[in-house]
Amino acid sequence: MQRTADPDALGFDADRLARIDTRFARWVDEGLLAGWQIAVSRRGECVHAATYGDRDREAGLPVEADTLWRIYSMTKPVTSVAAMRLWEQGAFELTDEVSRWIPSFADVRVYDRGSAAKPFLVPAVEPVRVWHLLSHTSGLTYGFLGTSVVDAVYRSNGYEWGAPRGVDLAAACDAWAAMPLLFQPGSAWGYSVATDVLGRLVELWSGQPLDVHLAEHVLGPLGMHDTTFSVEPERADRLAALYTPGPDGRATRLDAFGAAALRTPTLLSGGGGLVSTAADYDRFARMLLGRGALDGTRLLGSRTVDLMTRNHLPGGLDLGVHSTGGFAETSFDGVGFGLGFATVVDTGPAKTHVSRGEFFWGGAASTAFWVDPAEEVTALLFTQLLPSSTHPLRPQLRQLVYSALVD
């Protein structure tokens, strides 16, 4: 990905944008990251594009413009867009019960008390509906969170970071439906496998496997040809290695997880399975900034994007009030959640540069993006450090980007 416009012509101070590279280079020079790629755009033009460090430190391979990154949960907005395209075509209503297509969700039960070995469950008073999946208010969870008894139930059944070997998406959805919900559907926010279930619904609504449907109806039309669920041998040398903090805090290679991107997955994860490039995801972000359209291609109606980026939490509350805790990509103060994205509802609590209506998300390996309709800005961060909470990369990038905006 390359710069396409003079920053000064679009309200940015180029010298101030250069501070991004100086600050983020320190993370690499201190051994805390192997390498990174950052891109900032305004009004559809890239005003800053930079790379630093290595995509594979041990092999001495530098980060390049076409480096492939595991985007993990940045897959969720892509799957959500696919679902909402089908909604626009009348395939379902947001209030429809999930059990209409996945019968195992017809009799879900909710955790009330007890241990993971002997949980006491109560009936769900509200069925799990499609909008619950899109907004993460379904009561489903993630086994890796480690913050509740229900998380422990997931882990005991083999659903911590993924699924047991050989389990496909359909079987995983049945397994998740059989395990307790963390809370009554619609009553709280909890990060979860909900978008994986949504991906299964996309398959059922469209009659296509998720990878095929995304390629034909979202990724292909946007020209995102490097975004896939696995990396073929001919592209393998472009894939960045995955790292995690070692005992001394320095980035340590994590091939046990990282190698999964080189294999064809049995379970197509709409919640975290994609690999992408900065140039590809920039096109996705600019489509969203364009309220559903990019370069003459329209994926969604403008009002549908408005609907998706509106706060859908009960009572209009933010995640600081309505979240069950656990995994968070960034601070949730003043932040609500829409249909596939977190969205800023109050600019004061964040104590940093934000715009009302800005929406965003990130991935477990410290990738992130945001779209700011008020300032017409999009920003992307790619690196490969798991977990994403290790260093304050996202808030520092935000400070540096908006401090360079001077018009």
Protein backbone atom coordinates (compact mmCIF):
# COMPACT_ATOMS: atom_id res chain seq x y z
CA MET A 1 0.00 0.00 0.00
CA GLN A 2 1.35 3.40 -1.01
CA ARG A 3 0.58 7.05 -0.26
CA THR A 4 -1.71 8.52 -2.93
CA ALA A 5 -2.12 12.16 -1.83
CA ASP A 6 -0.24 15.08 -0.34
CA PRO A 7 -1.10 15.16 3.37
CA ASP A 8 -1.17 18.98 3.41
CA ALA A 9 -3.86 19.02 0.73
CA LEU A 10 -6.09 16.91 2.99
CA GLY A 11 -5.56 18.71 6.27
CA PHE A 12 -2.66 16.71 7.71
CA ASP A 13 0.77 17.98 8.73
CA ALA A 14 3.30 15.63 7.13
CA ASP A 15 5.93 16.23 9.82
CA ARG A 16 3.44 15.32 12.50
CA LEU A 17 2.42 12.17 10.62
CA ALA A 18 6.09 11.19 10.64
CA ARG A 19 5.86 10.98 14.43
CA ILE A 20 3.84 7.79 13.95
CA ASP A 21 6.84 6.04 12.42
CA THR A 22 9.25 7.36 15.03
CA ARG A 23 7.11 6.18 17.94
CA PHE A 24 6.18 2.82 16.50
CA ALA A 25 9.76 2.08 15.44
CA ARG A 26 10.66 2.04 19.14
CA TRP A 27 8.37 -0.95 19.71
CA VAL A 28 10.46 -2.87 17.19
CA ASP A 29 13.84 -1.51 18.23
CA GLU A 30 13.13 -2.55 21.82
CA GLY A 31 12.23 -6.07 20.66
CA LEU A 32 8.58 -5.81 21.67
CA LEU A 33 7.26 -6.19 18.11
CA ALA A 34 8.83 -7.86 15.09
CA GLY A 35 7.40 -5.38 12.62
CA TRP A 36 4.34 -3.38 11.62
CA GLN A 37 2.42 -1.69 8.82
CA ILE A 38 0.31 1.46 9.22
CA ALA A 39 -1.90 3.34 6.78
CA VAL A 40 -3.93 6.53 7.26
CA SER A 41 -6.39 7.85 4.69
CA ARG A 42 -8.71 10.81 4.38
CA ARG A 43 -11.55 11.25 1.91
CA GLY A 44 -10.50 8.03 0.20
CA GLU A 45 -6.86 9.05 -0.34
CA CYS A 46 -3.91 7.55 1.53
CA VAL A 47 -1.92 10.31 3.24
CA HIS A 48 0.47 8.10 5.18
CA ALA A 49 1.70 4.55 4.54
CA ALA A 50 4.64 3.04 6.37
CA THR A 51 6.27 -0.27 7.26
CA TYR A 52 9.01 -1.08 9.73
CA GLY A 53 10.80 -4.15 11.00
CA ASP A 54 10.37 -7.76 9.94
CA ARG A 55 7.43 -9.87 8.90
CA ASP A 56 9.62 -12.84 9.90
CA ARG A 57 12.36 -11.80 12.27
CA GLU A 58 14.07 -15.19 12.42
CA ALA A 59 14.30 -15.40 8.62
CA GLY A 60 15.27 -11.74 8.28
CA LEU A 61 12.34 -10.97 5.98
CA PRO A 62 11.15 -7.34 6.19
CA VAL A 63 7.58 -6.11 6.31
CA GLU A 64 6.61 -5.13 2.77
CA ALA A 65 3.63 -3.42 1.20
CA ASP A 66 1.99 -6.76 0.32
CA THR A 67 2.68 -8.60 3.60
CA LEU A 68 -0.13 -10.95 4.66
CA TRP A 69 -1.48 -10.56 8.19
CA ARG A 70 -3.77 -12.73 10.32
CA ILE A 71 -6.58 -10.31 11.04
CA TYR A 72 -8.50 -12.59 13.46
CA SER A 73 -11.53 -10.62 14.74
CA MET A 74 -11.29 -8.02 11.98
CA THR A 75 -13.00 -10.87 10.10
CA LYS A 76 -16.17 -10.09 12.06
CA PRO A 77 -17.06 -6.86 10.23
CA VAL A 78 -16.56 -8.65 6.88
CA THR A 79 -18.96 -11.45 7.86
CA SER A 80 -21.41 -8.89 9.24
CA VAL A 81 -21.41 -7.02 5.94
CA ALA A 82 -22.08 -10.29 4.10
CA ALA A 83 -25.03 -11.00 6.39
CA MET A 84 -26.50 -7.54 5.98
CA ARG A 85 -26.27 -7.80 2.18
CA LEU A 86 -28.50 -10.85 2.46
CA TRP A 87 -30.80 -8.97 4.85
CA GLU A 88 -31.20 -6.26 2.22
CA GLN A 89 -32.32 -9.01 -0.20
CA GLY A 90 -35.01 -10.22 2.22
CA ALA A 91 -33.31 -13.46 3.31
CA PHE A 92 -34.18 -12.82 6.97
CA GLU A 93 -35.34 -10.25 9.49
CA LEU A 94 -33.03 -9.06 12.25
CA THR A 95 -35.62 -10.16 14.81
CA ASP A 96 -35.85 -13.70 13.42
CA GLU A 97 -34.99 -16.54 15.78
CA VAL A 98 -31.72 -18.31 14.96
CA SER A 99 -33.45 -21.64 15.57
CA ARG A 100 -35.45 -21.12 12.39
CA TRP A 101 -32.31 -22.18 10.50
CA ILE A 102 -30.22 -23.88 13.21
CA PRO A 103 -32.71 -26.03 15.17
CA SER A 104 -30.28 -26.73 18.03
CA PHE A 105 -30.82 -23.14 19.19
CA ALA A 106 -34.48 -23.84 19.91
CA ASP A 107 -33.90 -24.96 23.49
CA VAL A 108 -30.95 -22.93 24.79
CA ARG A 109 -30.40 -22.70 28.53
CA VAL A 110 -28.80 -19.92 30.58
CA TYR A 111 -26.22 -20.28 33.36
CA ASP A 112 -27.58 -19.25 36.76
CA ARG A 113 -25.12 -20.60 39.33
CA GLY A 114 -22.89 -23.54 40.18
CA SER A 115 -19.59 -24.85 38.84
CA ALA A 116 -18.46 -25.77 35.35
CA ALA A 117 -18.83 -29.43 36.31
CA LYS A 118 -22.32 -28.93 37.76
CA PRO A 119 -23.88 -25.74 36.44
CA PHE A 120 -27.45 -24.87 37.35
CA LEU A 121 -29.27 -23.67 34.26
CA VAL A 122 -32.55 -21.85 33.67
CA PRO A 123 -34.61 -21.53 30.47
CA ALA A 124 -33.96 -18.60 28.17
CA VAL A 125 -36.82 -16.12 28.45
CA GLU A 126 -35.96 -14.69 25.02
CA PRO A 127 -34.82 -16.72 22.00
CA VAL A 128 -31.46 -15.98 20.43
CA ARG A 129 -32.21 -13.73 17.47
CA VAL A 130 -30.10 -12.68 14.50
CA TRP A 131 -29.53 -9.17 15.83
CA HIS A 132 -28.19 -10.70 19.06
CA LEU A 133 -25.45 -12.39 17.02
CA LEU A 134 -24.54 -9.20 15.17
CA SER A 135 -24.42 -7.14 18.38
CA HIS A 136 -22.79 -9.76 20.67
CA THR A 137 -25.79 -9.74 22.99
CA SER A 138 -26.66 -13.44 22.45
CA GLY A 139 -25.19 -14.85 25.68
CA LEU A 140 -22.64 -16.94 23.80
CA THR A 141 -19.01 -16.58 24.90
CA TYR A 142 -15.41 -17.58 24.14
CA GLY A 143 -13.51 -20.30 25.96
CA PHE A 144 -10.26 -18.33 25.96
CA LEU A 145 -11.72 -15.45 27.99
CA GLY A 146 -11.30 -17.26 31.29
CA THR A 147 -13.63 -14.90 33.17
CA SER A 148 -16.69 -17.04 33.88
CA VAL A 149 -17.93 -20.53 34.62
CA VAL A 150 -19.42 -20.68 31.12
CA ASP A 151 -16.01 -19.98 29.58
CA ALA A 152 -14.73 -22.99 31.53
CA VAL A 153 -17.55 -25.12 30.11
CA TYR A 154 -16.42 -24.15 26.60
CA ARG A 155 -12.83 -25.09 27.40
CA SER A 156 -13.84 -28.42 28.92
CA ASN A 157 -15.60 -29.25 25.64
CA GLY A 158 -12.54 -28.36 23.55
CA TYR A 159 -13.66 -24.87 22.48
CA GLU A 160 -10.95 -22.57 23.78
CA TRP A 161 -9.27 -20.85 20.81
CA GLY A 162 -11.00 -22.89 18.16
CA ALA A 163 -12.84 -26.18 17.89
CA PRO A 164 -11.81 -29.81 18.38
CA ARG A 165 -10.01 -31.35 15.42
CA GLY A 166 -12.33 -32.35 12.58
CA VAL A 167 -15.31 -30.26 13.75
CA ASP A 168 -16.86 -28.13 10.99
CA LEU A 169 -18.89 -24.96 11.38
CA ALA A 170 -22.28 -26.69 11.42
CA ALA A 171 -21.20 -29.11 14.18
CA ALA A 172 -19.60 -26.30 16.18
CA CYS A 173 -22.84 -24.30 16.12
CA ASP A 174 -24.73 -27.29 17.52
CA ALA A 175 -22.09 -27.68 20.24
CA TRP A 176 -22.29 -24.01 21.23
CA ALA A 177 -26.09 -24.19 21.35
CA ALA A 178 -25.85 -27.16 23.72
CA MET A 179 -23.62 -25.29 26.18
CA PRO A 180 -25.02 -22.72 28.64
CA LEU A 181 -25.51 -19.11 27.66
CA LEU A 182 -23.64 -16.65 29.84
CA PHE A 183 -26.69 -14.37 30.22
CA GLN A 184 -30.23 -13.98 28.96
CA PRO A 185 -30.23 -13.04 25.25
CA GLY A 186 -30.43 -9.29 24.73
CA SER A 187 -29.70 -8.41 28.35
CA ALA A 188 -25.96 -7.67 28.18
CA TRP A 189 -22.93 -7.57 25.88
CA GLY A 190 -20.41 -10.39 25.80
CA TYR A 191 -17.70 -11.01 23.22
CA SER A 192 -18.25 -14.41 21.71
CA VAL A 193 -18.48 -16.96 18.91
CA ALA A 194 -21.67 -15.20 17.80
CA THR A 195 -20.16 -14.09 14.48
CA ASP A 196 -19.13 -17.67 13.76
CA VAL A 197 -22.77 -18.66 14.17
CA LEU A 198 -23.66 -15.73 11.92
CA GLY A 199 -21.23 -17.13 9.34
CA ARG A 200 -23.11 -20.42 9.42
CA LEU A 201 -26.35 -18.54 8.83
CA VAL A 202 -24.76 -16.83 5.83
CA GLU A 203 -24.08 -20.31 4.46
CA LEU A 204 -27.67 -21.40 5.03
CA TRP A 205 -29.22 -18.21 3.66
CA SER A 206 -27.05 -18.19 0.55
CA GLY A 207 -26.64 -21.92 -0.12
CA GLN A 208 -22.87 -21.42 -0.41
CA PRO A 209 -19.90 -22.25 1.84
CA LEU A 210 -18.80 -19.14 3.73
CA ASP A 211 -15.46 -18.81 1.92
CA VAL A 212 -17.14 -19.02 -1.48
CA HIS A 213 -19.87 -16.56 -0.54
CA LEU A 214 -17.44 -13.97 0.85
CA ALA A 215 -15.19 -14.29 -2.20
CA GLU A 216 -18.05 -13.87 -4.67
CA HIS A 217 -20.14 -11.22 -2.93
CA VAL A 218 -17.86 -9.13 -0.67
CA LEU A 219 -14.14 -9.66 -1.21
CA GLY A 220 -14.19 -10.10 -4.98
CA PRO A 221 -16.40 -7.09 -5.76
CA LEU A 222 -14.16 -4.90 -3.58
CA GLY A 223 -10.98 -6.19 -5.22
CA MET A 224 -9.80 -7.82 -1.98
CA HIS A 225 -8.16 -10.73 -3.77
CA ASP A 226 -5.49 -11.36 -1.10
CA THR A 227 -8.08 -11.88 1.67
CA THR A 228 -8.69 -15.59 2.28
CA PHE A 229 -9.20 -18.21 4.99
CA SER A 230 -5.78 -19.79 4.35
CA VAL A 231 -2.49 -19.01 2.64
CA GLU A 232 -1.50 -21.19 -0.29
CA PRO A 233 2.14 -22.34 -0.68
CA GLU A 234 2.84 -19.80 -3.43
CA ARG A 235 1.96 -16.94 -1.04
CA ALA A 236 3.42 -18.43 2.14
CA ASP A 237 6.62 -16.34 2.07
CA ARG A 238 4.47 -13.18 2.32
CA LEU A 239 2.79 -14.29 5.57
CA ALA A 240 4.04 -12.56 8.70
CA ALA A 241 5.10 -14.79 11.58
CA LEU A 242 3.00 -14.72 14.75
CA TYR A 243 4.57 -13.65 18.06
CA THR A 244 3.70 -13.46 21.75
CA PRO A 245 5.49 -11.79 24.69
CA GLY A 246 8.24 -13.96 26.18
CA PRO A 247 9.25 -13.97 29.87
CA ASP A 248 11.33 -10.83 29.28
CA GLY A 249 8.53 -9.11 27.39
CA ARG A 250 10.27 -9.41 24.04
CA ALA A 251 8.33 -10.81 21.07
CA THR A 252 8.71 -14.60 20.91
CA ARG A 253 7.68 -16.67 17.91
CA LEU A 254 4.39 -18.56 18.27
CA ASP A 255 4.32 -21.08 15.45
CA ALA A 256 1.93 -23.37 17.35
CA PHE A 257 -0.84 -20.87 16.54
CA GLY A 258 0.70 -19.14 13.57
CA ALA A 259 0.99 -22.21 11.35
CA ALA A 260 -2.81 -22.63 11.29
CA ALA A 261 -3.05 -19.94 8.61
CA LEU A 262 -1.11 -22.19 6.22
CA ARG A 263 -3.66 -25.01 6.44
CA THR A 264 -7.08 -25.29 4.82
CA PRO A 265 -9.45 -24.97 7.78
CA THR A 266 -12.13 -27.51 8.60
CA LEU A 267 -14.09 -24.79 10.37
CA LEU A 268 -14.55 -21.59 8.36
CA SER A 269 -14.52 -18.98 11.11
CA GLY A 270 -16.56 -15.92 10.24
CA GLY A 271 -15.45 -14.54 13.58
CA GLY A 272 -11.70 -14.80 13.16
CA GLY A 273 -10.45 -16.82 10.23
CA LEU A 274 -9.28 -14.38 7.56
CA VAL A 275 -5.80 -13.39 6.42
CA SER A 276 -5.54 -10.05 4.61
CA THR A 277 -3.28 -7.21 3.48
CA ALA A 278 -3.27 -3.51 4.30
CA ALA A 279 -4.31 -2.64 0.75
CA ASP A 280 -7.23 -5.07 0.87
CA TYR A 281 -8.55 -3.98 4.24
CA ASP A 282 -8.12 -0.34 3.28
CA ARG A 283 -10.63 -0.96 0.48
CA PHE A 284 -13.06 -2.49 2.99
CA ALA A 285 -12.67 0.49 5.36
CA ARG A 286 -13.11 2.98 2.52
CA MET A 287 -16.26 1.17 1.41
CA LEU A 288 -17.65 1.67 4.90
CA LEU A 289 -16.61 5.33 4.90
CA GLY A 290 -18.46 5.58 1.59
CA ARG A 291 -21.59 4.25 3.32
CA GLY A 292 -21.56 1.00 1.39
CA ALA A 293 -19.92 2.01 -1.90
CA LEU A 294 -16.39 2.14 -3.32
CA ASP A 295 -15.16 2.96 -6.82
CA GLY A 296 -18.59 2.49 -8.37
CA THR A 297 -19.31 -0.80 -6.56
CA ARG A 298 -22.09 -0.71 -3.99
CA LEU A 299 -22.22 -3.56 -1.45
CA LEU A 300 -24.74 -2.04 0.95
CA GLY A 301 -27.30 0.73 0.94
CA SER A 302 -26.18 3.86 2.75
CA ARG A 303 -28.95 3.55 5.34
CA THR A 304 -27.91 -0.04 6.04
CA VAL A 305 -24.41 1.11 6.97
CA ASP A 306 -26.01 3.78 9.18
CA LEU A 307 -28.07 1.05 10.85
CA MET A 308 -25.02 -1.15 11.40
CA THR A 309 -22.96 1.64 12.97
CA ARG A 310 -25.71 2.81 15.33
CA ASN A 311 -25.59 1.69 18.97
CA HIS A 312 -27.82 -1.39 19.46
CA LEU A 313 -27.13 -2.07 23.13
CA PRO A 314 -30.18 -2.26 25.41
CA GLY A 315 -31.27 1.18 26.56
CA GLY A 316 -28.62 2.85 24.42
CA LEU A 317 -26.03 2.22 27.10
CA ASP A 318 -22.31 1.89 26.46
CA LEU A 319 -20.12 -1.16 26.98
CA GLY A 320 -18.69 0.22 30.20
CA VAL A 321 -22.17 -0.26 31.67
CA HIS A 322 -23.55 -3.21 29.73
CA SER A 323 -20.53 -5.46 29.17
CA THR A 324 -19.97 -8.71 31.05
CA GLY A 325 -16.24 -7.93 30.99
CA GLY A 326 -13.54 -10.15 29.59
CA PHE A 327 -11.77 -9.60 26.30
CA ALA A 328 -11.71 -6.06 24.99
CA GLU A 329 -9.94 -4.66 21.92
CA THR A 330 -9.69 -1.19 23.47
CA SER A 331 -11.26 0.99 26.16
CA PHE A 332 -15.03 0.71 26.19
CA ASP A 333 -15.72 4.01 27.94
CA GLY A 334 -18.27 5.92 25.90
CA VAL A 335 -18.47 3.09 23.36
CA GLY A 336 -21.57 1.23 22.23
CA PHE A 337 -21.93 -1.65 19.80
CA GLY A 338 -23.78 -1.84 16.53
CA LEU A 339 -24.25 -4.68 14.06
CA GLY A 340 -20.66 -5.80 13.62
CA PHE A 341 -18.72 -2.82 14.98
CA ALA A 342 -18.05 -0.94 18.17
CA THR A 343 -19.28 2.65 17.84
CA VAL A 344 -18.52 5.83 19.78
CA VAL A 345 -21.60 7.23 21.51
CA ASP A 346 -19.94 9.71 23.89
CA THR A 347 -16.63 11.42 23.15
CA GLY A 348 -15.86 12.53 26.69
CA PRO A 349 -15.12 9.29 28.60
CA ALA A 350 -12.42 8.07 26.19
CA LYS A 351 -10.04 10.91 27.22
CA THR A 352 -8.49 10.90 23.75
CA HIS A 353 -9.30 12.01 20.20
CA VAL A 354 -12.56 10.40 19.07
CA SER A 355 -15.56 11.51 17.04
CA ARG A 356 -19.16 10.68 17.80
CA GLY A 357 -20.27 7.99 15.36
CA GLU A 358 -16.77 6.67 14.74
CA PHE A 359 -16.74 2.86 14.47
CA PHE A 360 -13.98 0.32 14.77
CA TRP A 361 -12.71 -3.10 15.75
CA GLY A 362 -9.48 -5.05 16.01
CA GLY A 363 -7.95 -8.49 16.04
CA ALA A 364 -6.32 -10.70 18.66
CA ALA A 365 -2.84 -10.28 17.15
CA SER A 366 -2.91 -6.48 17.73
CA THR A 367 -4.35 -5.45 14.35
CA ALA A 368 -6.89 -2.65 14.33
CA PHE A 369 -8.91 -0.29 12.15
CA TRP A 370 -11.26 2.61 12.60
CA VAL A 371 -13.55 4.66 10.39
CA ASP A 372 -14.32 8.25 11.39
CA PRO A 373 -17.16 9.62 9.22
CA ALA A 374 -17.01 13.06 10.87
CA GLU A 375 -13.37 13.63 9.93
CA GLU A 376 -13.55 11.35 6.85
CA VAL A 377 -10.55 9.43 8.20
CA THR A 378 -9.72 5.73 8.13
CA ALA A 379 -6.70 4.19 9.85
CA LEU A 380 -5.20 0.70 9.83
CA LEU A 381 -2.63 -1.00 12.04
CA PHE A 382 -1.12 -4.40 11.29
CA THR A 383 1.34 -6.36 13.38
CA GLN A 384 1.29 -9.94 14.75
CA LEU A 385 1.51 -9.93 18.54
CA LEU A 386 -0.89 -12.08 20.55
CA PRO A 387 -2.67 -10.97 22.75
CA SER A 388 -3.74 -7.54 21.58
CA SER A 389 -3.77 -6.13 25.10
CA THR A 390 0.03 -6.45 25.49
CA HIS A 391 0.97 -2.88 24.51
CA PRO A 392 -1.07 0.36 24.09
CA LEU A 393 -0.63 0.35 20.32
CA ARG A 394 -4.15 1.39 19.38
CA PRO A 395 -4.51 4.41 21.69
CA GLN A 396 -1.04 5.65 20.78
CA LEU A 397 -1.79 5.40 17.08
CA ARG A 398 -5.00 7.33 17.62
CA GLN A 399 -3.18 10.11 19.51
CA LEU A 400 -0.57 10.40 16.78
CA VAL A 401 -3.04 10.39 13.87
CA TYR A 402 -5.34 13.07 15.24
CA SER A 403 -2.48 15.20 16.52
CA ALA A 404 -1.38 15.42 12.87
CA LEU A 405 -4.81 16.60 11.68
CA VAL A 406 -4.54 20.40 11.56
CA ASP A 407 -7.21 21.81 9.23
